[in-house]
């Protein structure tokens, strides 16, 4: 679970702040380089949608990272977001006693 003061980091925020802003690149320019619709990249950097495996593969290739690098951001964001949303329900689940 996330620390109480931390908020989940959306992969679009990371893409925007760590890549697009420093490179002075627009979402449209990135989309063109990736061969993707501009709207997909715009929605990712606005944090409206998450990354697909397709997008992660393309980002990994373009930025010389790995697809896993990008998918790990997506997975962590989804798990942290859902854990917070389901906190009360998850607390109500009684773990199995494996020793019994």
Protein backbone atom coordinates (compact mmCIF):
# COMPACT_ATOMS: atom_id res chain seq x y z
CA UNK A 1 0.00 0.00 0.00
CA UNK A 2 1.05 3.56 -0.63
CA UNK A 3 2.28 5.82 2.13
CA UNK A 4 -0.54 7.97 3.54
CA UNK A 5 0.96 11.20 2.19
CA UNK A 6 1.93 9.87 -1.23
CA UNK A 7 -0.35 9.96 -4.22
CA UNK A 8 -0.20 7.51 -7.07
CA UNK A 9 1.93 8.71 -9.98
CA UNK A 10 0.07 8.42 -13.27
CA UNK A 11 2.35 7.34 -16.13
CA UNK A 12 1.06 10.30 -18.16
CA UNK A 13 2.34 12.72 -15.53
CA UNK A 14 5.74 11.06 -15.64
CA UNK A 15 5.80 11.10 -19.45
CA UNK A 16 4.82 14.76 -19.52
CA UNK A 17 7.13 16.04 -16.76
CA UNK A 18 10.20 13.87 -17.35
CA UNK A 19 10.18 13.60 -21.13
CA UNK A 20 7.91 16.01 -22.99
CA UNK A 21 8.60 19.17 -20.98
CA UNK A 22 12.41 18.77 -20.88
CA UNK A 23 12.48 17.91 -24.59
CA UNK A 24 10.13 20.75 -25.50
CA UNK A 25 8.02 18.18 -27.32
CA UNK A 26 4.26 18.37 -27.74
CA UNK A 27 1.93 15.40 -27.41
CA UNK A 28 1.23 15.72 -31.13
CA UNK A 29 4.92 15.56 -32.02
CA UNK A 30 5.37 12.51 -29.77
CA UNK A 31 2.34 10.81 -31.31
CA UNK A 32 3.74 11.38 -34.80
CA UNK A 33 7.11 9.87 -33.84
CA UNK A 34 5.33 6.87 -32.31
CA UNK A 35 2.92 6.40 -35.20
CA UNK A 36 -0.07 6.81 -32.89
CA UNK A 37 -3.16 9.02 -32.91
CA UNK A 38 -2.48 12.40 -31.31
CA UNK A 39 -5.60 12.01 -29.20
CA UNK A 40 -4.18 8.91 -27.49
CA UNK A 41 -1.03 10.67 -26.35
CA UNK A 42 -2.96 13.81 -25.37
CA UNK A 43 -5.31 11.73 -23.21
CA UNK A 44 -2.39 9.90 -21.58
CA UNK A 45 -0.53 13.10 -20.66
CA UNK A 46 -3.80 14.63 -19.37
CA UNK A 47 -4.05 11.49 -17.18
CA UNK A 48 -7.43 10.54 -18.67
CA UNK A 49 -6.35 7.09 -19.83
CA UNK A 50 -3.55 4.70 -19.00
CA UNK A 51 -0.83 3.15 -21.08
CA UNK A 52 -1.47 0.10 -23.21
CA UNK A 53 1.18 -2.51 -23.97
CA UNK A 54 1.29 -1.10 -27.52
CA UNK A 55 2.11 2.38 -26.25
CA UNK A 56 4.65 1.04 -23.74
CA UNK A 57 6.46 -0.84 -26.50
CA UNK A 58 6.64 2.28 -28.64
CA UNK A 59 7.75 4.55 -25.77
CA UNK A 60 10.41 2.03 -24.79
CA UNK A 61 11.78 2.00 -28.32
CA UNK A 62 11.74 5.77 -28.76
CA UNK A 63 13.25 6.66 -25.38
CA UNK A 64 15.66 3.67 -25.17
CA UNK A 65 13.95 2.27 -22.09
CA UNK A 66 12.03 -0.98 -21.81
CA UNK A 67 8.31 -1.57 -22.22
CA UNK A 68 8.39 -2.93 -18.65
CA UNK A 69 9.58 0.46 -17.41
CA UNK A 70 6.37 2.04 -18.72
CA UNK A 71 4.04 -0.83 -17.79
CA UNK A 72 5.38 -0.85 -14.23
CA UNK A 73 4.23 2.77 -13.88
CA UNK A 74 0.79 1.81 -15.13
CA UNK A 75 0.51 -1.23 -12.88
CA UNK A 76 1.66 0.64 -9.78
CA UNK A 77 -0.79 3.46 -10.50
CA UNK A 78 -3.72 1.08 -10.93
CA UNK A 79 -2.89 -0.94 -7.81
CA UNK A 80 -2.46 2.14 -5.61
CA UNK A 81 -5.61 3.78 -6.95
CA UNK A 82 -7.72 0.65 -6.50
CA UNK A 83 -6.27 -0.09 -3.05
CA UNK A 84 -7.37 3.33 -1.87
CA UNK A 85 -10.81 2.99 -3.46
CA UNK A 86 -11.35 -0.49 -1.98
CA UNK A 87 -9.68 0.14 1.38
CA UNK A 88 -12.76 -0.55 3.54
CA UNK A 89 -13.77 -3.61 1.53
CA UNK A 90 -10.25 -5.03 1.64
CA UNK A 91 -10.05 -4.50 5.40
CA UNK A 92 -13.26 -6.54 5.79
CA UNK A 93 -11.68 -9.58 4.12
CA UNK A 94 -10.41 -12.03 6.71
CA UNK A 95 -7.10 -13.57 5.55
CA UNK A 96 -6.92 -17.35 5.56
CA UNK A 97 -4.84 -18.94 8.28
CA UNK A 98 -2.49 -21.10 6.23
CA UNK A 99 -1.37 -23.03 9.33
CA UNK A 100 -4.87 -24.40 9.97
